[in-house]
Amino acid sequence: MSVPRAVWTLAVPTILSSLVMVLYNLADTYFVGMLNDPLQNAAVTLAGPVLLAFNAINNLFGVGASSVMSRALGVKDHETVRRASAFGFYCALLSGLLFSLLVGLLNAPLLTLLGAKGDTLAPTAEYLRWTALYGAVPSILNVVMAYLFRSEGATLHASIGTMSGCLLNIILDPICILGLGMGAAGAGLATFLSNCFACAYFFVLIALRRDKTLVCVSPKAFRPRKKLVLDVLGVGVPASVQNLLNVTGMTVMTNAIAAFGAEAVAAMGIAQKTTMIPCYIAMGVSQGVMPLIGYNFAARNARRMRDATVYTTKASQLIMLVMTALYLLFAPQIVSMFMQNEQIIEYGAAFMRGLSLAQPFLCMDFMAVGVFQACGMGSRALLFAFLRKIALEIPALLLLNKLFPMYGLAYAQLCAEVVLAAAAVLFLLRIFRDARRMEAEASVQQAALREE
């Protein structure tokens, strides 16, 4: 295919899947907000870091295994594709079970760490019971299996599986939250049931496509060998650390905002979840084209890899600029869609405008990390993760909150992403140069073989 067609063929299903995931996240906030109870809304926000921690496991085995699979396809090594998918699946399953066990054993200190106290303690605990204690395994497997299918170019099937669970969650939310009167606990129950459904879809898909797909979950294929494990972890560990650092940053944020009351927590939760729309679009674009970039990098097709990266970056940047303008213009109206509370609308609009300014720079960061992961450059992805949270965003959170109490928190991400966007350009230029050199060396070797 032409580069634009190949990019959109892979990216559109992933973007749609990401947008449905945003709707799923917003559905909890919207229907809990209909109770007009800041405590219930605050509970969903306070539990956010735990759910974000799922992504550490998703990336460890989903991103890690899918990167190995795409590069193995580039050199026609189908056996490695099957073994990498089985390794990713079973490690994700075991990790999900361990996560549930830890949440059950460490429930009380976990709630304290999240900043849940007083009136927010009980609803936060109930929400976590369904989403983390019972729901860790289906939530993790759902995402990891989508990564495995996406690695071989089956982005449509991967997105249908993810979207089916998200759409079911949106349907179940009003029933569980309002109809059954469960509040935040109802949002957790809806999430648990929808993730179970999405997992069932992927298992049925594997059964129906067993002769057409290289994705394998057979126990016989789960034979961890040193090279495979190191290849998966080489990409997966940095991606996982990146998400653990995101959890750390979000925990710092929620603890800082909790000091200003339930209204401020609810407002920040609304602002964060609504500004996730462009964030998830940028993430969907970068993840969607990862198989294309990884395949061509392994196949030594430097020009196609570079063209795909540049085209994708330009398209993503344009979308981010449009979305940022919409948030700046209509922030109060967007917040008022979720809660009719003047204080929350005032806080939320200010938070939303600050958070939205980071989006045009964020997509550059996502694109660079996507290229690192696709090409097996885990150390560079790890470097960006530490720069983003440890070196830049968390210090900015603490400093800006001290200089501009509460309102300064919304601008910490902008400070970090401006620096990372500049670094991303420099790193990508270097990768393109190295890819051209590798392509030239491969051409020389092929010419020598033809002469022999």
Foldseek 3Di string as FASTA:
>chain_A
DPLVVLLCLLQVLLLVLLLLVLVLLVLLLQLLQVVVDLLLLLLSLLLVLLLLLLQLLLLLLQLLLLLQLLLCVLVPNLLLLLLSLQQSQVSLQVVLQVQLVCCVVCVVVVCVLSVQDDSNSVSNSLLCCLCRNQASNLVNNLSSLLSSCLSVPNSNLSSVLSSQLSVQLSVQQCCQCPVVVPRSNSSSNSNRVSSVSSNVSSVVVCVVCVVPDSNYNDPVSNDDDDVSSCSSNLASNLSSVLSNLVSVLSSLVSNQQPVVDSLSSSLLSLLVSVLCSLVSSLLSSLSSCLSVLLSCLSNLVLVSNLVSLVVSLVVSLVVLVVVLVCLLVCQLVSQVSRHVDVSSSVSNSLLNNQQSLQSSLSSLLSNLSSNCSSNSVNVVSNVLSCQQRVVFQNVQLVVQCVVPNSSSNSNRNNRSSVVSSVVSVVVSVVVSVVSNVVSVVVVVVVVVVVVD
